[in-house]
Amino acid sequence: MVSKSNRSGQTRSQAERREHTIKAILDAARRLFASRGFAATSIDDMAALAGVAKGAVYHHFKSKEEIFGRVFEDMTAEIAARVPSAARAGKDLQDSIGRGTLKYLTSISSDEFRRVLLIDGPAVLGWNRWRQIDAQHFGSMMRVPRELVLTGRAAREIDALGHLIAGAVTEAALVCAASDRRTQAARDHTSALLKMLAPFFTTGQRRK
């Protein structure tokens, strides 16, 4: 007769094995998607690199598209965690926006992220889901900071500006990813964004 403690141990062991297998598959998929791209990566490739049977991959995931979606969300969350820490190092609001934007652009356009998040992402996930995932992780960061509301501008204008900034940063990310000088392109676009926002900061300073 199997004791409760033994059954509990077996359950934990099974759960740990499951988590280990899923992690191995996702890690392998991430490496392959980033280096080869979605189209050139097969389930067989993932299984071989993860060291598991092909059937094990299909046991945990329905399709290659589902695996890509998981990898995409994990990578998006990873970049989203980097931006606030960079922004907090700023000496003022304008500097914080610049630092956060530069961290985002240099990260997402790097070899580690750009193919998955910017090249294959929209094509594999579809434009709507791609934007939805991006908004879930970056929506609050892309909104114009509360300090700008203190300039006395209408809330709808502030909200509209937030959408325009988000669109500008997304376009900048795509341009940086395709550039031969990605880091310089990220600096150039960050500088241009701050110049676009300069009138709002200047107005805010005059009204204080």
N, C-alpha and C. Protein backbone atom coordinates (compact mmCIF):
# COMPACT_ATOMS: atom_id res chain seq x y z
N MET A 1 0.85 -1.20 0.00
CA MET A 1 0.00 0.00 0.00
C MET A 1 0.88 1.25 0.00
N VAL A 2 0.58 2.18 -0.90
CA VAL A 2 1.37 3.40 -1.00
C VAL A 2 0.88 4.42 0.01
N SER A 3 1.76 4.94 0.82
CA SER A 3 1.39 5.91 1.84
C SER A 3 1.09 7.27 1.20
N LYS A 4 0.40 8.13 1.97
CA LYS A 4 0.07 9.47 1.48
C LYS A 4 1.34 10.27 1.20
N SER A 5 2.33 10.11 2.05
CA SER A 5 3.57 10.85 1.87
C SER A 5 4.28 10.43 0.59
N ASN A 6 4.22 9.11 0.28
CA ASN A 6 4.84 8.63 -0.96
C ASN A 6 4.10 9.15 -2.19
N ARG A 7 2.75 9.16 -2.09
CA ARG A 7 1.95 9.67 -3.21
C ARG A 7 2.22 11.15 -3.43
N SER A 8 2.35 11.88 -2.32
CA SER A 8 2.64 13.31 -2.41
C SER A 8 4.00 13.54 -3.06
N GLY A 9 4.96 12.71 -2.67
CA GLY A 9 6.30 12.83 -3.25
C GLY A 9 6.30 12.52 -4.72
N GLN A 10 5.52 11.51 -5.12
CA GLN A 10 5.43 11.14 -6.53
C GLN A 10 4.78 12.25 -7.34
N THR A 11 3.74 12.88 -6.75
CA THR A 11 3.04 13.97 -7.44
C THR A 11 3.98 15.15 -7.66
N ARG A 12 4.75 15.49 -6.61
CA ARG A 12 5.71 16.58 -6.74
C ARG A 12 6.77 16.25 -7.78
N SER A 13 7.21 15.00 -7.77
CA SER A 13 8.24 14.58 -8.72
C SER A 13 7.72 14.68 -10.15
N GLN A 14 6.47 14.27 -10.37
CA GLN A 14 5.87 14.35 -11.69
C GLN A 14 5.75 15.80 -12.13
N ALA A 15 5.32 16.66 -11.20
CA ALA A 15 5.17 18.08 -11.51
C ALA A 15 6.52 18.71 -11.84
N GLU A 16 7.53 18.32 -11.10
CA GLU A 16 8.87 18.85 -11.35
C GLU A 16 9.39 18.40 -12.71
N ARG A 17 9.15 17.12 -13.04
CA ARG A 17 9.58 16.62 -14.35
C ARG A 17 8.86 17.34 -15.47
N ARG A 18 7.57 17.57 -15.26
CA ARG A 18 6.78 18.28 -16.26
C ARG A 18 7.33 19.70 -16.47
N GLU A 19 7.57 20.40 -15.38
CA GLU A 19 8.11 21.76 -15.47
C GLU A 19 9.48 21.77 -16.14
N HIS A 20 10.29 20.77 -15.79
CA HIS A 20 11.63 20.68 -16.37
C HIS A 20 11.53 20.46 -17.88
N THR A 21 10.63 19.58 -18.29
CA THR A 21 10.48 19.28 -19.73
C THR A 21 9.98 20.51 -20.48
N ILE A 22 8.98 21.18 -19.93
CA ILE A 22 8.43 22.38 -20.58
C ILE A 22 9.50 23.45 -20.71
N LYS A 23 10.27 23.64 -19.65
CA LYS A 23 11.33 24.65 -19.68
C LYS A 23 12.38 24.30 -20.74
N ALA A 24 12.74 23.04 -20.82
CA ALA A 24 13.73 22.60 -21.80
C ALA A 24 13.23 22.86 -23.22
N ILE A 25 11.96 22.58 -23.46
CA ILE A 25 11.37 22.80 -24.78
C ILE A 25 11.36 24.29 -25.12
N LEU A 26 10.92 25.12 -24.17
CA LEU A 26 10.84 26.55 -24.41
C LEU A 26 12.23 27.18 -24.59
N ASP A 27 13.19 26.71 -23.81
CA ASP A 27 14.56 27.21 -23.95
C ASP A 27 15.13 26.87 -25.32
N ALA A 28 14.88 25.63 -25.75
CA ALA A 28 15.37 25.20 -27.06
C ALA A 28 14.67 25.99 -28.17
N ALA A 29 13.37 26.14 -28.03
CA ALA A 29 12.60 26.88 -29.04
C ALA A 29 13.08 28.33 -29.13
N ARG A 30 13.35 28.94 -28.00
CA ARG A 30 13.82 30.32 -28.00
C ARG A 30 15.14 30.45 -28.75
N ARG A 31 16.05 29.55 -28.49
CA ARG A 31 17.35 29.60 -29.17
C ARG A 31 17.20 29.42 -30.67
N LEU A 32 16.34 28.49 -31.06
CA LEU A 32 16.15 28.22 -32.48
C LEU A 32 15.39 29.34 -33.19
N PHE A 33 14.33 29.84 -32.56
CA PHE A 33 13.57 30.92 -33.17
C PHE A 33 14.45 32.17 -33.34
N ALA A 34 15.29 32.43 -32.34
CA ALA A 34 16.14 33.62 -32.39
C ALA A 34 17.23 33.50 -33.44
N SER A 35 17.75 32.31 -33.64
CA SER A 35 18.86 32.13 -34.57
C SER A 35 18.41 31.78 -35.99
N ARG A 36 17.38 30.94 -36.11
CA ARG A 36 16.95 30.48 -37.43
C ARG A 36 15.69 31.17 -37.93
N GLY A 37 14.84 31.55 -37.00
CA GLY A 37 13.54 32.07 -37.36
C GLY A 37 12.46 31.01 -37.24
N PHE A 38 11.22 31.45 -37.23
CA PHE A 38 10.08 30.54 -37.04
C PHE A 38 9.97 29.53 -38.18
N ALA A 39 10.02 29.99 -39.41
CA ALA A 39 9.79 29.12 -40.56
C ALA A 39 10.84 28.01 -40.67
N ALA A 40 12.08 28.31 -40.29
CA ALA A 40 13.17 27.34 -40.45
C ALA A 40 13.34 26.43 -39.24
N THR A 41 12.46 26.56 -38.27
CA THR A 41 12.54 25.73 -37.07
C THR A 41 11.40 24.71 -37.06
N SER A 42 11.73 23.46 -36.79
CA SER A 42 10.71 22.41 -36.75
C SER A 42 10.56 21.86 -35.33
N ILE A 43 9.48 21.14 -35.11
CA ILE A 43 9.27 20.47 -33.82
C ILE A 43 10.40 19.47 -33.57
N ASP A 44 10.84 18.81 -34.62
CA ASP A 44 11.95 17.86 -34.49
C ASP A 44 13.22 18.56 -33.99
N ASP A 45 13.47 19.75 -34.53
CA ASP A 45 14.63 20.53 -34.11
C ASP A 45 14.55 20.86 -32.61
N MET A 46 13.38 21.28 -32.18
CA MET A 46 13.18 21.63 -30.77
C MET A 46 13.39 20.42 -29.87
N ALA A 47 12.80 19.32 -30.27
CA ALA A 47 12.91 18.10 -29.47
C ALA A 47 14.37 17.66 -29.34
N ALA A 48 15.08 17.70 -30.45
CA ALA A 48 16.48 17.27 -30.45
C ALA A 48 17.32 18.16 -29.54
N LEU A 49 17.13 19.48 -29.65
CA LEU A 49 17.92 20.41 -28.84
C LEU A 49 17.53 20.33 -27.37
N ALA A 50 16.26 20.08 -27.11
CA ALA A 50 15.79 19.99 -25.72
C ALA A 50 16.13 18.64 -25.08
N GLY A 51 16.47 17.66 -25.92
CA GLY A 51 16.79 16.34 -25.40
C GLY A 51 15.57 15.55 -24.98
N VAL A 52 14.45 15.77 -25.69
CA VAL A 52 13.21 15.05 -25.37
C VAL A 52 12.66 14.43 -26.65
N ALA A 53 11.72 13.52 -26.49
CA ALA A 53 11.09 12.90 -27.65
C ALA A 53 10.13 13.89 -28.30
N LYS A 54 9.92 13.73 -29.59
CA LYS A 54 8.99 14.60 -30.31
C LYS A 54 7.60 14.52 -29.70
N GLY A 55 7.23 13.32 -29.27
CA GLY A 55 5.91 13.15 -28.65
C GLY A 55 5.76 13.97 -27.37
N ALA A 56 6.88 14.15 -26.66
CA ALA A 56 6.83 14.94 -25.43
C ALA A 56 6.50 16.39 -25.73
N VAL A 57 6.99 16.89 -26.86
CA VAL A 57 6.68 18.27 -27.24
C VAL A 57 5.19 18.41 -27.49
N TYR A 58 4.62 17.47 -28.26
CA TYR A 58 3.20 17.53 -28.56
C TYR A 58 2.33 17.21 -27.34
N HIS A 59 2.89 16.56 -26.35
CA HIS A 59 2.15 16.29 -25.12
C HIS A 59 1.88 17.60 -24.36
N HIS A 60 2.82 18.53 -24.45
CA HIS A 60 2.70 19.79 -23.70
C HIS A 60 2.21 20.96 -24.55
N PHE A 61 2.39 20.87 -25.86
CA PHE A 61 2.00 21.97 -26.75
C PHE A 61 1.27 21.43 -27.97
N LYS A 62 0.23 22.14 -28.39
CA LYS A 62 -0.56 21.68 -29.53
C LYS A 62 0.15 21.90 -30.86
N SER A 63 0.95 22.96 -30.94
CA SER A 63 1.54 23.30 -32.23
C SER A 63 2.80 24.15 -32.05
N LYS A 64 3.51 24.34 -33.13
CA LYS A 64 4.69 25.20 -33.13
C LYS A 64 4.28 26.64 -32.86
N GLU A 65 3.10 27.01 -33.35
CA GLU A 65 2.60 28.36 -33.14
C GLU A 65 2.35 28.63 -31.66
N GLU A 66 1.83 27.63 -30.96
CA GLU A 66 1.60 27.80 -29.52
C GLU A 66 2.92 27.98 -28.78
N ILE A 67 3.92 27.22 -29.15
CA ILE A 67 5.25 27.35 -28.53
C ILE A 67 5.81 28.74 -28.81
N PHE A 68 5.67 29.19 -30.04
CA PHE A 68 6.17 30.52 -30.39
C PHE A 68 5.49 31.58 -29.54
N GLY A 69 4.19 31.44 -29.36
CA GLY A 69 3.45 32.41 -28.55
C GLY A 69 3.97 32.49 -27.12
N ARG A 70 4.28 31.33 -26.55
CA ARG A 70 4.83 31.30 -25.18
C ARG A 70 6.20 31.97 -25.14
N VAL A 71 7.03 31.64 -26.12
CA VAL A 71 8.37 32.23 -26.17
C VAL A 71 8.26 33.74 -26.36
N PHE A 72 7.37 34.17 -27.22
CA PHE A 72 7.18 35.59 -27.49
C PHE A 72 6.77 36.33 -26.22
N GLU A 73 5.83 35.78 -25.49
CA GLU A 73 5.37 36.45 -24.26
C GLU A 73 6.47 36.49 -23.21
N ASP A 74 7.21 35.40 -23.08
CA ASP A 74 8.30 35.37 -22.10
C ASP A 74 9.37 36.41 -22.44
N MET A 75 9.70 36.54 -23.71
CA MET A 75 10.73 37.48 -24.12
C MET A 75 10.24 38.92 -23.97
N THR A 76 8.98 39.15 -24.26
CA THR A 76 8.41 40.48 -24.09
C THR A 76 8.44 40.89 -22.62
N ALA A 77 8.07 39.96 -21.75
CA ALA A 77 8.10 40.24 -20.31
C ALA A 77 9.52 40.53 -19.82
N GLU A 78 10.47 39.85 -20.42
CA GLU A 78 11.88 40.05 -20.03
C GLU A 78 12.34 41.47 -20.34
N ILE A 79 11.98 41.96 -21.53
CA ILE A 79 12.36 43.33 -21.87
C ILE A 79 11.59 44.32 -21.00
N ALA A 80 10.31 44.03 -20.76
CA ALA A 80 9.49 44.93 -19.94
C ALA A 80 10.07 45.09 -18.54
N ALA A 81 10.76 44.09 -18.05
CA ALA A 81 11.36 44.17 -16.72
C ALA A 81 12.63 45.01 -16.73
N ARG A 82 13.24 45.17 -17.89
CA ARG A 82 14.49 45.94 -17.98
C ARG A 82 14.25 47.44 -18.03
N VAL A 83 13.15 47.84 -18.64
CA VAL A 83 12.92 49.26 -18.91
C VAL A 83 12.77 50.11 -17.64
N PRO A 84 11.94 49.70 -16.67
CA PRO A 84 11.76 50.55 -15.49
C PRO A 84 13.04 50.82 -14.72
N SER A 85 13.90 49.82 -14.59
CA SER A 85 15.14 50.02 -13.85
C SER A 85 16.03 51.04 -14.55
N ALA A 86 16.03 51.02 -15.88
CA ALA A 86 16.81 52.01 -16.63
C ALA A 86 16.21 53.40 -16.46
N ALA A 87 14.89 53.47 -16.49
CA ALA A 87 14.22 54.77 -16.35
C ALA A 87 14.43 55.37 -14.97
N ARG A 88 14.47 54.54 -13.94
CA ARG A 88 14.63 55.05 -12.58
C ARG A 88 15.98 55.73 -12.36
N ALA A 89 16.94 55.46 -13.22
CA ALA A 89 18.26 56.07 -13.08
C ALA A 89 18.28 57.51 -13.59
N GLY A 90 17.20 57.96 -14.22
CA GLY A 90 17.15 59.31 -14.76
C GLY A 90 17.13 60.38 -13.68
N LYS A 91 17.72 61.52 -13.97
CA LYS A 91 17.79 62.60 -12.98
C LYS A 91 16.51 63.42 -12.93
N ASP A 92 15.69 63.33 -13.96
CA ASP A 92 14.39 63.99 -13.99
C ASP A 92 13.48 63.20 -14.93
N LEU A 93 12.25 63.68 -15.07
CA LEU A 93 11.26 62.96 -15.88
C LEU A 93 11.72 62.79 -17.32
N GLN A 94 12.22 63.85 -17.92
CA GLN A 94 12.65 63.79 -19.31
C GLN A 94 13.80 62.81 -19.49
N ASP A 95 14.75 62.84 -18.58
CA ASP A 95 15.89 61.93 -18.65
C ASP A 95 15.44 60.49 -18.44
N SER A 96 14.46 60.29 -17.57
CA SER A 96 13.94 58.94 -17.32
C SER A 96 13.28 58.36 -18.56
N ILE A 97 12.50 59.19 -19.26
CA ILE A 97 11.87 58.74 -20.50
C ILE A 97 12.93 58.38 -21.53
N GLY A 98 13.97 59.20 -21.62
CA GLY A 98 15.04 58.92 -22.57
C GLY A 98 15.77 57.63 -22.26
N ARG A 99 16.10 57.44 -21.00
CA ARG A 99 16.81 56.22 -20.61
C ARG A 99 15.95 54.97 -20.82
N GLY A 100 14.68 55.07 -20.46
CA GLY A 100 13.79 53.92 -20.64
C GLY A 100 13.60 53.57 -22.10
N THR A 101 13.44 54.60 -22.93
CA THR A 101 13.26 54.39 -24.37
C THR A 101 14.51 53.78 -24.99
N LEU A 102 15.68 54.29 -24.61
CA LEU A 102 16.92 53.76 -25.16
C LEU A 102 17.12 52.30 -24.76
N LYS A 103 16.82 51.97 -23.51
CA LYS A 103 16.94 50.58 -23.06
C LYS A 103 16.01 49.67 -23.86
N TYR A 104 14.79 50.13 -24.08
CA TYR A 104 13.82 49.35 -24.86
C TYR A 104 14.31 49.12 -26.28
N LEU A 105 14.75 50.20 -26.94
CA LEU A 105 15.17 50.09 -28.34
C LEU A 105 16.42 49.25 -28.51
N THR A 106 17.40 49.43 -27.64
CA THR A 106 18.62 48.64 -27.78
C THR A 106 18.37 47.16 -27.45
N SER A 107 17.46 46.90 -26.52
CA SER A 107 17.17 45.52 -26.15
C SER A 107 16.39 44.80 -27.25
N ILE A 108 15.30 45.39 -27.69
CA ILE A 108 14.41 44.71 -28.62
C ILE A 108 15.04 44.58 -30.02
N SER A 109 15.99 45.46 -30.35
CA SER A 109 16.62 45.38 -31.67
C SER A 109 17.91 44.54 -31.65
N SER A 110 18.24 43.98 -30.49
CA SER A 110 19.44 43.15 -30.39
C SER A 110 19.22 41.78 -31.04
N ASP A 111 20.31 41.07 -31.31
CA ASP A 111 20.21 39.74 -31.92
C ASP A 111 19.40 38.78 -31.07
N GLU A 112 19.40 39.00 -29.76
CA GLU A 112 18.70 38.11 -28.84
C GLU A 112 17.19 38.19 -29.01
N PHE A 113 16.68 39.36 -29.38
CA PHE A 113 15.23 39.57 -29.38
C PHE A 113 14.61 39.92 -30.73
N ARG A 114 15.35 40.56 -31.61
CA ARG A 114 14.70 41.22 -32.75
C ARG A 114 13.97 40.28 -33.69
N ARG A 115 14.56 39.09 -33.98
CA ARG A 115 13.89 38.21 -34.93
C ARG A 115 12.55 37.73 -34.39
N VAL A 116 12.52 37.34 -33.13
CA VAL A 116 11.29 36.81 -32.54
C VAL A 116 10.26 37.92 -32.35
N LEU A 117 10.67 39.03 -31.74
CA LEU A 117 9.71 40.05 -31.34
C LEU A 117 9.30 41.01 -32.46
N LEU A 118 10.20 41.27 -33.40
CA LEU A 118 9.89 42.28 -34.41
C LEU A 118 9.73 41.74 -35.82
N ILE A 119 10.41 40.66 -36.14
CA ILE A 119 10.34 40.13 -37.51
C ILE A 119 9.28 39.05 -37.63
N ASP A 120 9.41 37.99 -36.83
CA ASP A 120 8.44 36.88 -36.92
C ASP A 120 7.17 37.13 -36.12
N GLY A 121 7.29 37.89 -35.03
CA GLY A 121 6.14 38.09 -34.15
C GLY A 121 4.87 38.52 -34.85
N PRO A 122 4.88 39.64 -35.56
CA PRO A 122 3.65 40.09 -36.22
C PRO A 122 3.11 39.09 -37.24
N ALA A 123 4.02 38.40 -37.96
CA ALA A 123 3.60 37.46 -39.00
C ALA A 123 2.99 36.20 -38.40
N VAL A 124 3.60 35.68 -37.34
CA VAL A 124 3.14 34.42 -36.75
C VAL A 124 1.90 34.63 -35.88
N LEU A 125 1.92 35.65 -35.06
CA LEU A 125 0.83 35.88 -34.12
C LEU A 125 -0.33 36.65 -34.73
N GLY A 126 -0.05 37.40 -35.78
CA GLY A 126 -1.06 38.29 -36.33
C GLY A 126 -0.93 39.67 -35.67
N TRP A 127 -1.24 40.70 -36.43
CA TRP A 127 -1.02 42.07 -35.96
C TRP A 127 -1.79 42.36 -34.67
N ASN A 128 -3.03 41.91 -34.57
CA ASN A 128 -3.84 42.24 -33.39
C ASN A 128 -3.28 41.62 -32.12
N ARG A 129 -2.93 40.34 -32.18
CA ARG A 129 -2.40 39.70 -30.97
C ARG A 129 -1.02 40.25 -30.62
N TRP A 130 -0.23 40.53 -31.65
CA TRP A 130 1.09 41.13 -31.42
C TRP A 130 0.97 42.44 -30.66
N ARG A 131 0.05 43.28 -31.08
CA ARG A 131 -0.16 44.56 -30.41
C ARG A 131 -0.76 44.37 -29.02
N GLN A 132 -1.64 43.38 -28.89
CA GLN A 132 -2.27 43.12 -27.59
C GLN A 132 -1.24 42.72 -26.55
N ILE A 133 -0.34 41.81 -26.90
CA ILE A 133 0.70 41.37 -25.97
C ILE A 133 1.62 42.53 -25.64
N ASP A 134 1.99 43.31 -26.64
CA ASP A 134 2.85 44.46 -26.42
C ASP A 134 2.18 45.45 -25.46
N ALA A 135 0.89 45.69 -25.66
CA ALA A 135 0.17 46.64 -24.79
C ALA A 135 0.06 46.13 -23.37
N GLN A 136 -0.09 44.83 -23.20
CA GLN A 136 -0.19 44.26 -21.86
C GLN A 136 1.07 44.52 -21.05
N HIS A 137 2.21 44.47 -21.70
CA HIS A 137 3.48 44.63 -20.99
C HIS A 137 4.00 46.07 -20.98
N PHE A 138 3.68 46.83 -22.03
CA PHE A 138 4.25 48.16 -22.14
C PHE A 138 3.22 49.29 -22.11
N GLY A 139 1.94 48.91 -22.07
CA GLY A 139 0.90 49.93 -22.12
C GLY A 139 1.05 51.02 -21.08
N SER A 140 1.27 50.64 -19.84
CA SER A 140 1.39 51.63 -18.77
C SER A 140 2.66 52.46 -18.91
N MET A 141 3.71 51.87 -19.46
CA MET A 141 4.96 52.61 -19.65
C MET A 141 4.84 53.61 -20.78
N MET A 142 4.05 53.27 -21.80
CA MET A 142 3.94 54.11 -22.97
C MET A 142 2.99 55.29 -22.76
N ARG A 143 2.16 55.22 -21.72
CA ARG A 143 1.28 56.36 -21.46
C ARG A 143 2.12 57.53 -21.00
N VAL A 144 1.70 58.71 -21.38
CA VAL A 144 2.43 59.90 -20.96
C VAL A 144 2.42 59.97 -19.44
N PRO A 145 3.58 60.13 -18.79
CA PRO A 145 3.63 60.17 -17.33
C PRO A 145 2.69 61.21 -16.73
N ARG A 146 2.26 60.93 -15.51
CA ARG A 146 1.28 61.78 -14.85
C ARG A 146 1.72 63.22 -14.73
N GLU A 147 3.03 63.44 -14.63
CA GLU A 147 3.50 64.81 -14.48
C GLU A 147 3.07 65.71 -15.64
N LEU A 148 2.90 65.13 -16.83
CA LEU A 148 2.50 65.93 -17.98
C LEU A 148 1.07 66.43 -17.83
N VAL A 149 0.24 65.69 -17.09
CA VAL A 149 -1.13 66.13 -16.87
C VAL A 149 -1.14 67.46 -16.12
N LEU A 150 -0.12 67.70 -15.32
CA LEU A 150 -0.03 68.92 -14.53
C LEU A 150 0.18 70.16 -15.38
N THR A 151 0.43 69.98 -16.68
CA THR A 151 0.58 71.15 -17.54
C THR A 151 -0.78 71.79 -17.81
N GLY A 152 -1.86 71.15 -17.39
CA GLY A 152 -3.19 71.71 -17.59
C GLY A 152 -3.84 71.29 -18.88
N ARG A 153 -3.24 70.40 -19.61
CA ARG A 153 -3.82 69.93 -20.86
C ARG A 153 -4.97 68.98 -20.60
N ALA A 154 -5.88 68.92 -21.57
CA ALA A 154 -7.05 68.05 -21.43
C ALA A 154 -6.62 66.59 -21.37
N ALA A 155 -7.37 65.81 -20.59
CA ALA A 155 -7.03 64.40 -20.42
C ALA A 155 -7.04 63.66 -21.75
N ARG A 156 -7.98 64.00 -22.64
CA ARG A 156 -8.05 63.32 -23.94
C ARG A 156 -6.83 63.64 -24.80
N GLU A 157 -6.27 64.84 -24.65
CA GLU A 157 -5.06 65.19 -25.39
C GLU A 157 -3.87 64.40 -24.88
N ILE A 158 -3.81 64.26 -23.55
CA ILE A 158 -2.73 63.48 -22.94
C ILE A 158 -2.83 62.02 -23.39
N ASP A 159 -4.06 61.49 -23.43
CA ASP A 159 -4.26 60.10 -23.85
C ASP A 159 -3.86 59.92 -25.31
N ALA A 160 -4.24 60.89 -26.15
CA ALA A 160 -3.89 60.82 -27.57
C ALA A 160 -2.38 60.86 -27.76
N LEU A 161 -1.71 61.72 -26.99
CA LEU A 161 -0.27 61.81 -27.08
C LEU A 161 0.38 60.49 -26.68
N GLY A 162 -0.19 59.84 -25.69
CA GLY A 162 0.33 58.54 -25.26
C GLY A 162 0.30 57.53 -26.38
N HIS A 163 -0.81 57.49 -27.14
CA HIS A 163 -0.92 56.56 -28.27
C HIS A 163 0.09 56.92 -29.37
N LEU A 164 0.28 58.21 -29.60
CA LEU A 164 1.24 58.63 -30.61
C LEU A 164 2.67 58.25 -30.23
N ILE A 165 2.99 58.40 -28.95
CA ILE A 165 4.33 58.02 -28.49
C ILE A 165 4.53 56.51 -28.65
N ALA A 166 3.52 55.74 -28.27
CA ALA A 166 3.62 54.28 -28.40
C ALA A 166 3.85 53.89 -29.84
N GLY A 167 3.11 54.52 -30.76
CA GLY A 167 3.28 54.22 -32.17
C GLY A 167 4.66 54.60 -32.68
N ALA A 168 5.15 55.76 -32.22
CA ALA A 168 6.47 56.22 -32.63
C ALA A 168 7.57 55.28 -32.15
N VAL A 169 7.45 54.82 -30.91
CA VAL A 169 8.47 53.93 -30.35
C VAL A 169 8.43 52.57 -31.05
N THR A 170 7.25 52.08 -31.36
CA THR A 170 7.14 50.81 -32.08
C THR A 170 7.79 50.92 -33.46
N GLU A 171 7.52 52.00 -34.17
CA GLU A 171 8.13 52.20 -35.48
C GLU A 171 9.64 52.34 -35.35
N ALA A 172 10.09 53.03 -34.31
CA ALA A 172 11.53 53.19 -34.08
C ALA A 172 12.18 51.83 -33.85
N ALA A 173 11.50 50.96 -33.13
CA ALA A 173 12.04 49.62 -32.86
C ALA A 173 12.22 48.84 -34.16
N LEU A 174 11.24 48.93 -35.06
CA LEU A 174 11.34 48.23 -36.35
C LEU A 174 12.49 48.78 -37.19
N VAL A 175 12.65 50.10 -37.17
CA VAL A 175 13.75 50.71 -37.93
C VAL A 175 15.10 50.30 -37.35
N CYS A 176 15.21 50.34 -36.04
CA CYS A 176 16.47 49.95 -35.38
C CYS A 176 16.82 48.50 -35.67
N ALA A 177 15.83 47.63 -35.66
CA ALA A 177 16.07 46.20 -35.89
C ALA A 177 16.60 45.94 -37.30
N ALA A 178 16.21 46.79 -38.24
CA ALA A 178 16.65 46.60 -39.63
C ALA A 178 17.92 47.37 -39.96
N SER A 179 18.41 48.16 -39.01
CA SER A 179 19.57 49.00 -39.26
C SER A 179 20.88 48.22 -39.17
N ASP A 180 21.88 48.68 -39.92
CA ASP A 180 23.22 48.10 -39.82
C ASP A 180 23.96 48.64 -38.60
N ARG A 181 23.46 49.74 -38.06
CA ARG A 181 24.06 50.35 -36.86
C ARG A 181 22.95 50.51 -35.83
N ARG A 182 22.54 49.40 -35.25
CA ARG A 182 21.36 49.38 -34.39
C ARG A 182 21.48 50.25 -33.16
N THR A 183 22.62 50.19 -32.49
CA THR A 183 22.79 50.99 -31.28
C THR A 183 22.73 52.47 -31.58
N GLN A 184 23.38 52.88 -32.67
CA GLN A 184 23.35 54.29 -33.05
C GLN A 184 21.94 54.70 -33.46
N ALA A 185 21.26 53.83 -34.16
CA ALA A 185 19.88 54.12 -34.57
C ALA A 185 18.99 54.28 -33.34
N ALA A 186 19.22 53.47 -32.32
CA ALA A 186 18.44 53.58 -31.09
C ALA A 186 18.70 54.92 -30.41
N ARG A 187 19.96 55.35 -30.39
CA ARG A 187 20.28 56.65 -29.80
C ARG A 187 19.64 57.79 -30.59
N ASP A 188 19.70 57.68 -31.92
CA ASP A 188 19.14 58.74 -32.77
C ASP A 188 17.63 58.86 -32.56
N HIS A 189 16.94 57.74 -32.51
CA HIS A 189 15.49 57.77 -32.35
C HIS A 189 15.08 58.22 -30.94
N THR A 190 15.86 57.85 -29.96
CA THR A 190 15.58 58.32 -28.60
C THR A 190 15.74 59.83 -28.53
N SER A 191 16.80 60.34 -29.12
CA SER A 191 17.03 61.79 -29.15
C SER A 191 15.90 62.51 -29.87
N ALA A 192 15.45 61.95 -30.99
CA ALA A 192 14.37 62.57 -31.75
C ALA A 192 13.08 62.58 -30.95
N LEU A 193 12.81 61.50 -30.23
CA LEU A 193 11.60 61.45 -29.41
C LEU A 193 11.62 62.52 -28.33
N LEU A 194 12.75 62.68 -27.68
CA LEU A 194 12.85 63.70 -26.62
C LEU A 194 12.68 65.10 -27.18
N LYS A 195 13.16 65.33 -28.40
CA LYS A 195 12.97 66.64 -29.02
C LYS A 195 11.49 66.87 -29.33
N MET A 196 10.80 65.81 -29.74
CA MET A 196 9.36 65.92 -30.00
C MET A 196 8.60 66.26 -28.72
N LEU A 197 9.04 65.71 -27.60
CA LEU A 197 8.34 65.91 -26.33
C LEU A 197 8.79 67.19 -25.61
N ALA A 198 9.88 67.79 -26.05
CA ALA A 198 10.45 68.95 -25.36
C ALA A 198 9.43 70.06 -25.09
N PRO A 199 8.54 70.41 -26.03
CA PRO A 199 7.58 71.48 -25.75
C PRO A 199 6.68 71.19 -24.55
N PHE A 200 6.37 69.92 -24.34
CA PHE A 200 5.51 69.57 -23.20
C PHE A 200 6.25 69.79 -21.89
N PHE A 201 7.51 69.42 -21.85
CA PHE A 201 8.29 69.62 -20.64
C PHE A 201 8.51 71.11 -20.40
N THR A 202 8.80 71.85 -21.47
CA THR A 202 9.04 73.29 -21.34
C THR A 202 7.80 74.00 -20.82
N THR A 203 6.64 73.60 -21.36
CA THR A 203 5.39 74.19 -20.90
C THR A 203 5.14 73.90 -19.45
N GLY A 204 5.42 72.65 -19.07
CA GLY A 204 5.22 72.26 -17.69
C GLY A 204 6.09 73.06 -16.75
N GLN A 205 7.34 73.33 -17.16
CA GLN A 205 8.27 74.08 -16.32
C GLN A 205 7.81 75.52 -16.17
N ARG A 206 7.26 76.11 -17.27
CA ARG A 206 6.80 77.50 -17.21
C ARG A 206 5.61 77.67 -16.29
N ARG A 207 4.75 76.61 -16.23
CA ARG A 207 3.52 76.73 -15.47
C ARG A 207 3.70 76.42 -14.00
N LYS A 208 4.86 75.88 -13.62
CA LYS A 208 5.08 75.54 -12.21
C LYS A 208 5.32 76.80 -11.40
